[in-house]
Amino acid sequence: MTDFLQVMREIFSNAPIANRLARFNVKSRWADNYLGSIWDYLEPTIYIGTYFLVFGMGMYNGTVNGQPYILWLLTGIVPWYFIQGSFNKGLTSIKSQLGLLTKIRFPMSVAPVMPMLEELRRFFVMTVAMLVLLLVFGEMPNVHWLQFVYAFIAMFATVLAHNLINSTLTVIIPDYKPAMSAVFRLIFFTSGVVINMDAKHLPFVLVTIIKMFPFYYVLESFRDAFLYHIWFWDKASNALFFWLLTLLMLMVGSMIHLRFRERFIDMV
C-alpha cells in the first residue's frame, strides 16, 4: 500500500507537467501529415463504419438486445478507443521516454499516465459525437447519464493499473510488448466491443470468464448509463470484483515499478 500511495502522490503532484508533455506529443504525432490531428477522428470513423456494415447489418440485422446496433456499438467503441490508444502506447511509455525523463529528473511513474492524457481529447470529442447520435435516435438525457462520470473513473483507473504493470514489464522482459500486443487484439473481440457476448450460442463458462475482464465491465458501465439505464450498484457484485481487482493491479504495478525503476537505464 505504501508503494501505491507514493506512486499516486508522484502522479498527482506532477500532473500539470505531464499534461503539457502529453499535449506536445499529440501535436508532434501528426506533424508530418497534411490532415494533421484530423486523423485522430478520421481513422475511428472508418473503422466504426466498417464494423457497423459487417457486424451490425450482417450479423445482427441492425439491433442488439433491443437497441440499434449503431448505438450499442458507439457506446462501447468510444471508450474502447481510449483504452486501446492508452494501452498500446502505455506498453512503451517508460522505455520510449526514458532519456527525456532522466534528463529533466521527472518521476518515471508519471510516464504511464501520459498516453492516457494524450487520448483524452479524442475521447471527449468522440463522446460528444456519440451523444449527438443518441439524441438523433430519440434517446433523451436522463439522470442515468450522470453515471458517465463513474464509468470514466473506472476506465481511467483500470487503464492506469494496466499501464503501470505493462510499462515496467516491457523494460524488464524484451518479448513482453509483442506478446501483449497479440493478446490485446484478442481482447478486442472478447470484451464485447463489436460482438454481443450475451448471444445464446456462446458457451456459458466462456462468457462468464470474459465478463470478469475489467475492460468488459467498463464498456458495460457506459452502455448501462446511456442505453439500459442501470445503476452500477444494481450490479454490486460485479462492481466489487472490478474495484478489488483494479486496486490489486494498482498495488502490484506500483510495487514492481518502484522496485525496478532505478535499474531501467541499465536494462534498456
C-alpha atoms as a PDB file:
ATOM      1  CA  MET A   1       0.000   0.000   0.000  1.00  0.00           C
ATOM      2  CA  THR A   2       2.916   2.347   0.739  1.00  0.00           C
ATOM      3  CA  ASP A   3       4.236   1.915  -2.808  1.00  0.00           C
ATOM      4  CA  PHE A   4       0.794   2.604  -4.233  1.00  0.00           C
ATOM      5  CA  LEU A   5       0.393   5.809  -2.225  1.00  0.00           C
ATOM      6  CA  GLN A   6       3.870   7.008  -3.239  1.00  0.00           C
ATOM      7  CA  VAL A   7       3.167   6.467  -6.938  1.00  0.00           C
ATOM      8  CA  MET A   8      -0.210   8.224  -6.687  1.00  0.00           C
ATOM      9  CA  ARG A   9       1.414  11.213  -4.950  1.00  0.00           C
ATOM     10  CA  GLU A  10       4.045  11.450  -7.682  1.00  0.00           C
ATOM     11  CA  ILE A  11       1.388  11.297 -10.403  1.00  0.00           C
ATOM     12  CA  PHE A  12      -0.874  13.947  -8.894  1.00  0.00           C
ATOM     13  CA  SER A  13       1.914  16.335  -7.929  1.00  0.00           C
ATOM     14  CA  ASN A  14       3.383  16.235 -11.455  1.00  0.00           C
ATOM     15  CA  ALA A  15       0.094  16.174 -13.367  1.00  0.00           C
ATOM     16  CA  PRO A  16       0.431  19.720 -14.841  1.00  0.00           C
ATOM     17  CA  ILE A  17       3.842  18.967 -16.370  1.00  0.00           C
ATOM     18  CA  ALA A  18       2.655  15.593 -17.632  1.00  0.00           C
ATOM     19  CA  ASN A  19      -0.319  17.268 -19.277  1.00  0.00           C
ATOM     20  CA  ARG A  20       1.925  19.759 -21.096  1.00  0.00           C
ATOM     21  CA  LEU A  21       4.159  16.954 -22.342  1.00  0.00           C
ATOM     22  CA  ALA A  22       1.121  14.985 -23.464  1.00  0.00           C
ATOM     23  CA  ARG A  23      -0.198  17.956 -25.472  1.00  0.00           C
ATOM     24  CA  PHE A  24       3.204  18.295 -27.136  1.00  0.00           C
ATOM     25  CA  ASN A  25       3.193  14.604 -28.042  1.00  0.00           C
ATOM     26  CA  VAL A  26      -0.264  14.931 -29.608  1.00  0.00           C
ATOM     27  CA  LYS A  27       0.828  17.882 -31.756  1.00  0.00           C
ATOM     28  CA  SER A  28       4.023  16.179 -32.896  1.00  0.00           C
ATOM     29  CA  ARG A  29       2.303  12.865 -33.712  1.00  0.00           C
ATOM     30  CA  TRP A  30       0.679  14.126 -36.911  1.00  0.00           C
ATOM     31  CA  ALA A  31       3.084  16.996 -37.654  1.00  0.00           C
ATOM     32  CA  ASP A  32       4.200  15.473 -40.972  1.00  0.00           C
ATOM     33  CA  ASN A  33       0.659  14.711 -42.233  1.00  0.00           C
ATOM     34  CA  TYR A  34      -1.378  17.104 -44.360  1.00  0.00           C
ATOM     35  CA  LEU A  35      -4.576  16.438 -42.384  1.00  0.00           C
ATOM     36  CA  GLY A  36      -2.799  16.636 -39.042  1.00  0.00           C
ATOM     37  CA  SER A  37      -4.814  15.659 -35.990  1.00  0.00           C
ATOM     38  CA  ILE A  38      -7.907  15.068 -38.147  1.00  0.00           C
ATOM     39  CA  TRP A  39      -6.572  11.516 -38.462  1.00  0.00           C
ATOM     40  CA  ASP A  40      -7.365  11.074 -34.759  1.00  0.00           C
ATOM     41  CA  TYR A  41     -11.041  11.152 -35.736  1.00  0.00           C
ATOM     42  CA  LEU A  42     -10.991  10.023 -39.363  1.00  0.00           C
ATOM     43  CA  GLU A  43      -9.423   6.657 -38.575  1.00  0.00           C
ATOM     44  CA  PRO A  44     -12.029   5.705 -35.899  1.00  0.00           C
ATOM     45  CA  THR A  45     -14.836   6.857 -38.204  1.00  0.00           C
ATOM     46  CA  ILE A  46     -13.654   4.498 -40.948  1.00  0.00           C
ATOM     47  CA  TYR A  47     -13.391   1.561 -38.574  1.00  0.00           C
ATOM     48  CA  ILE A  48     -16.758   2.254 -36.948  1.00  0.00           C
ATOM     49  CA  GLY A  49     -18.386   2.338 -40.374  1.00  0.00           C
ATOM     50  CA  THR A  50     -16.740  -0.967 -41.285  1.00  0.00           C
ATOM     51  CA  TYR A  51     -17.809  -2.680 -38.055  1.00  0.00           C
ATOM     52  CA  PHE A  52     -21.350  -1.403 -38.497  1.00  0.00           C
ATOM     53  CA  LEU A  53     -21.604  -2.836 -42.012  1.00  0.00           C
ATOM     54  CA  VAL A  54     -20.003  -6.187 -41.164  1.00  0.00           C
ATOM     55  CA  PHE A  55     -21.491  -6.875 -37.754  1.00  0.00           C
ATOM     56  CA  GLY A  56     -24.461  -4.530 -37.459  1.00  0.00           C
ATOM     57  CA  MET A  57     -26.028  -5.136 -40.854  1.00  0.00           C
ATOM     58  CA  GLY A  58     -24.579  -8.585 -41.459  1.00  0.00           C
ATOM     59  CA  MET A  59     -24.567 -10.474 -38.167  1.00  0.00           C
ATOM     60  CA  TYR A  60     -27.153  -8.664 -36.038  1.00  0.00           C
ATOM     61  CA  ASN A  61     -29.549  -7.229 -38.628  1.00  0.00           C
ATOM     62  CA  GLY A  62     -29.246  -3.763 -37.123  1.00  0.00           C
ATOM     63  CA  THR A  63     -30.167  -4.429 -33.464  1.00  0.00           C
ATOM     64  CA  VAL A  64     -28.586  -5.858 -30.296  1.00  0.00           C
ATOM     65  CA  ASN A  65     -30.516  -6.501 -27.083  1.00  0.00           C
ATOM     66  CA  GLY A  66     -33.354  -4.282 -28.282  1.00  0.00           C
ATOM     67  CA  GLN A  67     -31.095  -1.348 -29.172  1.00  0.00           C
ATOM     68  CA  PRO A  68     -29.970  -0.116 -32.612  1.00  0.00           C
ATOM     69  CA  TYR A  69     -26.608  -1.716 -33.282  1.00  0.00           C
ATOM     70  CA  ILE A  70     -25.007   1.627 -34.149  1.00  0.00           C
ATOM     71  CA  LEU A  71     -25.820   2.996 -30.671  1.00  0.00           C
ATOM     72  CA  TRP A  72     -24.729  -0.241 -28.980  1.00  0.00           C
ATOM     73  CA  LEU A  73     -21.502  -0.124 -30.977  1.00  0.00           C
ATOM     74  CA  LEU A  74     -20.762   3.545 -30.278  1.00  0.00           C
ATOM     75  CA  THR A  75     -21.314   3.336 -26.517  1.00  0.00           C
ATOM     76  CA  GLY A  76     -18.736   0.546 -26.431  1.00  0.00           C
ATOM     77  CA  ILE A  77     -16.219   1.595 -29.055  1.00  0.00           C
ATOM     78  CA  VAL A  78     -15.822   5.219 -27.900  1.00  0.00           C
ATOM     79  CA  PRO A  79     -14.351   4.171 -24.529  1.00  0.00           C
ATOM     80  CA  TRP A  80     -12.555   1.312 -26.271  1.00  0.00           C
ATOM     81  CA  TYR A  81     -10.575   3.730 -28.449  1.00  0.00           C
ATOM     82  CA  PHE A  82      -9.373   5.437 -25.273  1.00  0.00           C
ATOM     83  CA  ILE A  83      -8.450   2.056 -23.791  1.00  0.00           C
ATOM     84  CA  GLN A  84      -6.746   0.901 -26.981  1.00  0.00           C
ATOM     85  CA  GLY A  85      -4.692   4.049 -27.515  1.00  0.00           C
ATOM     86  CA  SER A  86      -3.658   4.286 -23.872  1.00  0.00           C
ATOM     87  CA  PHE A  87      -2.877   0.578 -23.588  1.00  0.00           C
ATOM     88  CA  ASN A  88      -0.773   0.307 -26.753  1.00  0.00           C
ATOM     89  CA  LYS A  89       1.249   3.433 -26.055  1.00  0.00           C
ATOM     90  CA  GLY A  90       1.407   2.565 -22.377  1.00  0.00           C
ATOM     91  CA  LEU A  91       3.416  -0.569 -23.149  1.00  0.00           C
ATOM     92  CA  THR A  92       6.415   1.540 -24.180  1.00  0.00           C
ATOM     93  CA  SER A  93       5.612   4.686 -22.192  1.00  0.00           C
ATOM     94  CA  ILE A  94       8.670   4.299 -19.965  1.00  0.00           C
ATOM     95  CA  LYS A  95      11.040   2.737 -22.488  1.00  0.00           C
ATOM     96  CA  SER A  96      10.373   5.341 -25.192  1.00  0.00           C
ATOM     97  CA  GLN A  97      10.715   8.340 -22.873  1.00  0.00           C
ATOM     98  CA  LEU A  98      13.423   7.086 -20.552  1.00  0.00           C
ATOM     99  CA  GLY A  99      16.036   9.527 -21.891  1.00  0.00           C
ATOM    100  CA  LEU A 100      13.751  12.542 -21.520  1.00  0.00           C
ATOM    101  CA  LEU A 101      12.592  11.558 -18.047  1.00  0.00           C
ATOM    102  CA  THR A 102      16.178  11.088 -16.922  1.00  0.00           C
ATOM    103  CA  LYS A 103      17.338  14.467 -18.237  1.00  0.00           C
ATOM    104  CA  ILE A 104      14.563  16.519 -16.645  1.00  0.00           C
ATOM    105  CA  ARG A 105      14.502  14.456 -13.450  1.00  0.00           C
ATOM    106  CA  PHE A 106      10.843  13.735 -13.926  1.00  0.00           C
ATOM    107  CA  PRO A 107       9.328  10.869 -11.851  1.00  0.00           C
ATOM    108  CA  MET A 108       9.127   7.826 -14.128  1.00  0.00           C
ATOM    109  CA  SER A 109       5.835   6.864 -12.511  1.00  0.00           C
ATOM    110  CA  VAL A 110       4.187   9.665 -14.493  1.00  0.00           C
ATOM    111  CA  ALA A 111       5.133   8.122 -17.865  1.00  0.00           C
ATOM    112  CA  PRO A 112       2.306   5.510 -17.845  1.00  0.00           C
ATOM    113  CA  VAL A 113      -0.225   8.322 -17.361  1.00  0.00           C
ATOM    114  CA  MET A 114       0.930  10.404 -20.328  1.00  0.00           C
ATOM    115  CA  PRO A 115      -0.601   8.145 -23.028  1.00  0.00           C
ATOM    116  CA  MET A 116      -3.916   8.438 -21.199  1.00  0.00           C
ATOM    117  CA  LEU A 117      -3.700  12.223 -21.146  1.00  0.00           C
ATOM    118  CA  GLU A 118      -2.877  12.164 -24.868  1.00  0.00           C
ATOM    119  CA  GLU A 119      -6.068  10.206 -25.569  1.00  0.00           C
ATOM    120  CA  LEU A 120      -8.393  12.438 -23.543  1.00  0.00           C
ATOM    121  CA  ARG A 121      -9.148  14.998 -26.258  1.00  0.00           C
ATOM    122  CA  ARG A 122     -10.150  12.365 -28.805  1.00  0.00           C
ATOM    123  CA  PHE A 123     -12.224  10.560 -26.187  1.00  0.00           C
ATOM    124  CA  PHE A 124     -14.245  13.652 -25.249  1.00  0.00           C
ATOM    125  CA  VAL A 125     -14.756  14.722 -28.887  1.00  0.00           C
ATOM    126  CA  MET A 126     -15.977  11.228 -29.785  1.00  0.00           C
ATOM    127  CA  THR A 127     -18.195  11.220 -26.687  1.00  0.00           C
ATOM    128  CA  VAL A 128     -19.887  14.440 -27.813  1.00  0.00           C
ATOM    129  CA  ALA A 129     -20.457  12.941 -31.277  1.00  0.00           C
ATOM    130  CA  MET A 130     -21.912   9.833 -29.627  1.00  0.00           C
ATOM    131  CA  LEU A 131     -24.307  11.920 -27.509  1.00  0.00           C
ATOM    132  CA  VAL A 132     -25.493  13.775 -30.601  1.00  0.00           C
ATOM    133  CA  LEU A 133     -26.264  10.476 -32.324  1.00  0.00           C
ATOM    134  CA  LEU A 134     -28.087   9.225 -29.227  1.00  0.00           C
ATOM    135  CA  LEU A 135     -30.313  12.314 -29.405  1.00  0.00           C
ATOM    136  CA  VAL A 136     -30.906  11.759 -33.126  1.00  0.00           C
ATOM    137  CA  PHE A 137     -32.145   8.244 -32.345  1.00  0.00           C
ATOM    138  CA  GLY A 138     -34.519   9.570 -29.699  1.00  0.00           C
ATOM    139  CA  GLU A 139     -32.513   8.771 -26.554  1.00  0.00           C
ATOM    140  CA  MET A 140     -33.328  11.700 -24.280  1.00  0.00           C
ATOM    141  CA  PRO A 141     -30.941  12.802 -21.497  1.00  0.00           C
ATOM    142  CA  ASN A 142     -31.859  11.376 -18.108  1.00  0.00           C
ATOM    143  CA  VAL A 143     -30.374  11.027 -14.653  1.00  0.00           C
ATOM    144  CA  HIS A 144     -28.640   7.758 -15.599  1.00  0.00           C
ATOM    145  CA  TRP A 145     -26.384   9.676 -17.976  1.00  0.00           C
ATOM    146  CA  LEU A 146     -24.645  11.058 -14.875  1.00  0.00           C
ATOM    147  CA  GLN A 147     -23.196   7.565 -14.473  1.00  0.00           C
ATOM    148  CA  PHE A 148     -20.820   8.544 -17.271  1.00  0.00           C
ATOM    149  CA  VAL A 149     -18.613  10.025 -14.537  1.00  0.00           C
ATOM    150  CA  TYR A 150     -18.436   6.688 -12.728  1.00  0.00           C
ATOM    151  CA  ALA A 151     -17.723   4.797 -15.961  1.00  0.00           C
ATOM    152  CA  PHE A 152     -14.963   7.262 -16.866  1.00  0.00           C
ATOM    153  CA  ILE A 153     -13.294   6.925 -13.448  1.00  0.00           C
ATOM    154  CA  ALA A 154     -13.480   3.131 -13.702  1.00  0.00           C
ATOM    155  CA  MET A 155     -11.959   3.243 -17.188  1.00  0.00           C
ATOM    156  CA  PHE A 156      -9.156   5.596 -16.150  1.00  0.00           C
ATOM    157  CA  ALA A 157      -8.323   3.520 -13.056  1.00  0.00           C
ATOM    158  CA  THR A 158      -8.093   0.159 -14.810  1.00  0.00           C
ATOM    159  CA  VAL A 159      -6.056   1.540 -17.736  1.00  0.00           C
ATOM    160  CA  LEU A 160      -3.638   3.146 -15.281  1.00  0.00           C
ATOM    161  CA  ALA A 161      -3.306  -0.177 -13.460  1.00  0.00           C
ATOM    162  CA  HIS A 162      -2.531  -1.991 -16.719  1.00  0.00           C
ATOM    163  CA  ASN A 163      -0.068   0.699 -17.822  1.00  0.00           C
ATOM    164  CA  LEU A 164       1.883   0.621 -14.563  1.00  0.00           C
ATOM    165  CA  ILE A 165       2.384  -3.124 -14.893  1.00  0.00           C
ATOM    166  CA  ASN A 166       2.905  -3.261 -18.659  1.00  0.00           C
ATOM    167  CA  SER A 167       5.329  -0.333 -18.945  1.00  0.00           C
ATOM    168  CA  THR A 168       7.581  -1.873 -16.286  1.00  0.00           C
ATOM    169  CA  LEU A 169       7.493  -5.419 -17.676  1.00  0.00           C
ATOM    170  CA  THR A 170       8.209  -4.117 -21.201  1.00  0.00           C
ATOM    171  CA  VAL A 171      11.535  -2.788 -19.931  1.00  0.00           C
ATOM    172  CA  ILE A 172      12.337  -5.946 -17.955  1.00  0.00           C
ATOM    173  CA  ILE A 173      11.194  -8.576 -20.494  1.00  0.00           C
ATOM    174  CA  PRO A 174      12.148  -7.920 -24.154  1.00  0.00           C
ATOM    175  CA  ASP A 175       9.396 -10.156 -25.572  1.00  0.00           C
ATOM    176  CA  TYR A 176       6.647  -8.720 -23.402  1.00  0.00           C
ATOM    177  CA  LYS A 177       5.446  -5.986 -25.783  1.00  0.00           C
ATOM    178  CA  PRO A 178       4.819  -8.173 -28.880  1.00  0.00           C
ATOM    179  CA  ALA A 179       3.168 -10.808 -26.697  1.00  0.00           C
ATOM    180  CA  MET A 180       0.810  -8.319 -25.067  1.00  0.00           C
ATOM    181  CA  SER A 181       0.041  -6.633 -28.401  1.00  0.00           C
ATOM    182  CA  ALA A 182      -1.099 -10.001 -29.742  1.00  0.00           C
ATOM    183  CA  VAL A 183      -3.183 -10.721 -26.631  1.00  0.00           C
ATOM    184  CA  PHE A 184      -4.782  -7.270 -26.789  1.00  0.00           C
ATOM    185  CA  ARG A 185      -6.032  -7.902 -30.330  1.00  0.00           C
ATOM    186  CA  LEU A 186      -7.831 -10.960 -28.964  1.00  0.00           C
ATOM    187  CA  ILE A 187      -9.236  -8.945 -26.054  1.00  0.00           C
ATOM    188  CA  PHE A 188     -10.827  -6.571 -28.579  1.00  0.00           C
ATOM    189  CA  PHE A 189     -13.211  -9.291 -29.739  1.00  0.00           C
ATOM    190  CA  THR A 190     -13.798 -10.767 -26.280  1.00  0.00           C
ATOM    191  CA  SER A 191     -14.624  -7.532 -24.458  1.00  0.00           C
ATOM    192  CA  GLY A 192     -17.972  -7.021 -26.144  1.00  0.00           C
ATOM    193  CA  VAL A 193     -16.893  -4.109 -28.313  1.00  0.00           C
ATOM    194  CA  VAL A 194     -18.407  -5.320 -31.584  1.00  0.00           C
ATOM    195  CA  ILE A 195     -19.699  -8.790 -30.639  1.00  0.00           C
ATOM    196  CA  ASN A 196     -22.612  -9.344 -28.253  1.00  0.00           C
ATOM    197  CA  MET A 197     -21.314 -11.660 -25.538  1.00  0.00           C
ATOM    198  CA  ASP A 198     -24.883 -12.352 -24.354  1.00  0.00           C
ATOM    199  CA  ALA A 199     -25.663 -14.299 -27.536  1.00  0.00           C
ATOM    200  CA  LYS A 200     -27.242 -17.641 -26.674  1.00  0.00           C
ATOM    201  CA  HIS A 201     -24.924 -19.727 -28.845  1.00  0.00           C
ATOM    202  CA  LEU A 202     -21.797 -18.797 -26.842  1.00  0.00           C
ATOM    203  CA  PRO A 203     -20.581 -21.232 -24.116  1.00  0.00           C
ATOM    204  CA  PHE A 204     -21.780 -20.185 -20.668  1.00  0.00           C
ATOM    205  CA  VAL A 205     -18.458 -20.849 -18.933  1.00  0.00           C
ATOM    206  CA  LEU A 206     -16.508 -18.858 -21.530  1.00  0.00           C
ATOM    207  CA  VAL A 207     -18.897 -15.905 -21.324  1.00  0.00           C
ATOM    208  CA  THR A 208     -18.751 -15.949 -17.507  1.00  0.00           C
ATOM    209  CA  ILE A 209     -14.950 -15.752 -17.577  1.00  0.00           C
ATOM    210  CA  ILE A 210     -14.962 -12.992 -20.195  1.00  0.00           C
ATOM    211  CA  LYS A 211     -17.393 -10.919 -18.145  1.00  0.00           C
ATOM    212  CA  MET A 212     -14.830 -10.890 -15.332  1.00  0.00           C
ATOM    213  CA  PHE A 213     -12.392  -8.935 -17.526  1.00  0.00           C
ATOM    214  CA  PRO A 214     -12.064  -5.304 -16.333  1.00  0.00           C
ATOM    215  CA  PHE A 215     -12.399  -3.879 -19.863  1.00  0.00           C
ATOM    216  CA  TYR A 216     -15.702  -5.686 -20.335  1.00  0.00           C
ATOM    217  CA  TYR A 217     -17.014  -4.143 -17.111  1.00  0.00           C
ATOM    218  CA  VAL A 218     -16.001  -0.665 -18.259  1.00  0.00           C
ATOM    219  CA  LEU A 219     -17.792  -0.972 -21.611  1.00  0.00           C
ATOM    220  CA  GLU A 220     -20.913  -2.331 -19.938  1.00  0.00           C
ATOM    221  CA  SER A 221     -20.852   0.596 -17.500  1.00  0.00           C
ATOM    222  CA  PHE A 222     -21.023   3.047 -20.402  1.00  0.00           C
ATOM    223  CA  ARG A 223     -23.843   1.078 -22.045  1.00  0.00           C
ATOM    224  CA  ASP A 224     -25.754   0.839 -18.763  1.00  0.00           C
ATOM    225  CA  ALA A 225     -25.509   4.621 -18.406  1.00  0.00           C
ATOM    226  CA  PHE A 226     -26.614   5.606 -21.898  1.00  0.00           C
ATOM    227  CA  LEU A 227     -28.730   2.716 -23.190  1.00  0.00           C
ATOM    228  CA  TYR A 228     -30.039   0.430 -20.471  1.00  0.00           C
ATOM    229  CA  HIS A 229     -30.411   2.920 -17.596  1.00  0.00           C
ATOM    230  CA  ILE A 230     -28.995   0.592 -14.946  1.00  0.00           C
ATOM    231  CA  TRP A 231     -27.165   1.960 -11.916  1.00  0.00           C
ATOM    232  CA  PHE A 232     -23.778   0.454 -11.116  1.00  0.00           C
ATOM    233  CA  TRP A 233     -24.952  -0.508  -7.623  1.00  0.00           C
ATOM    234  CA  ASP A 234     -27.599  -2.703  -9.206  1.00  0.00           C
ATOM    235  CA  LYS A 235     -24.653  -4.891 -10.224  1.00  0.00           C
ATOM    236  CA  ALA A 236     -22.910  -4.610  -6.864  1.00  0.00           C
ATOM    237  CA  SER A 237     -21.054  -7.940  -7.077  1.00  0.00           C
ATOM    238  CA  ASN A 238     -19.593  -7.020 -10.474  1.00  0.00           C
ATOM    239  CA  ALA A 239     -18.551  -3.587  -9.206  1.00  0.00           C
ATOM    240  CA  LEU A 240     -16.941  -5.054  -6.072  1.00  0.00           C
ATOM    241  CA  PHE A 241     -14.948  -7.596  -8.085  1.00  0.00           C
ATOM    242  CA  PHE A 242     -13.836  -4.951 -10.585  1.00  0.00           C
ATOM    243  CA  TRP A 243     -12.599  -2.487  -7.969  1.00  0.00           C
ATOM    244  CA  LEU A 244     -10.858  -5.150  -5.874  1.00  0.00           C
ATOM    245  CA  LEU A 245      -9.076  -6.420  -8.987  1.00  0.00           C
ATOM    246  CA  THR A 246      -8.187  -2.889 -10.116  1.00  0.00           C
ATOM    247  CA  LEU A 247      -6.858  -1.944  -6.680  1.00  0.00           C
ATOM    248  CA  LEU A 248      -4.789  -5.143  -6.568  1.00  0.00           C
ATOM    249  CA  MET A 249      -3.335  -4.389 -10.015  1.00  0.00           C
ATOM    250  CA  LEU A 250      -2.554  -0.798  -8.994  1.00  0.00           C
ATOM    251  CA  MET A 251      -0.724  -2.025  -5.902  1.00  0.00           C
ATOM    252  CA  VAL A 252       1.219  -4.686  -7.827  1.00  0.00           C
ATOM    253  CA  GLY A 253       2.031  -2.214 -10.613  1.00  0.00           C
ATOM    254  CA  SER A 254       3.258   0.386  -8.114  1.00  0.00           C
ATOM    255  CA  MET A 255       5.358  -2.184  -6.281  1.00  0.00           C
ATOM    256  CA  ILE A 256       7.198  -3.569  -9.319  1.00  0.00           C
ATOM    257  CA  HIS A 257       7.611  -0.077 -10.771  1.00  0.00           C
ATOM    258  CA  LEU A 258       9.360   1.229  -7.662  1.00  0.00           C
ATOM    259  CA  ARG A 259      11.449  -1.941  -7.287  1.00  0.00           C
ATOM    260  CA  PHE A 260      12.909  -1.756 -10.782  1.00  0.00           C
ATOM    261  CA  ARG A 261      12.890   1.896 -11.866  1.00  0.00           C
ATOM    262  CA  GLU A 262      16.414   2.617 -10.588  1.00  0.00           C
ATOM    263  CA  ARG A 263      17.632  -0.111 -12.972  1.00  0.00           C
ATOM    264  CA  PHE A 264      15.604   0.904 -16.060  1.00  0.00           C
ATOM    265  CA  ILE A 265      18.534   2.643 -17.766  1.00  0.00           C
ATOM    266  CA  ASP A 266      20.749  -0.424 -17.356  1.00  0.00           C
ATOM    267  CA  MET A 267      18.026  -2.688 -18.740  1.00  0.00           C
ATOM    268  CA  VAL A 268      17.359  -0.701 -21.926  1.00  0.00           C
END
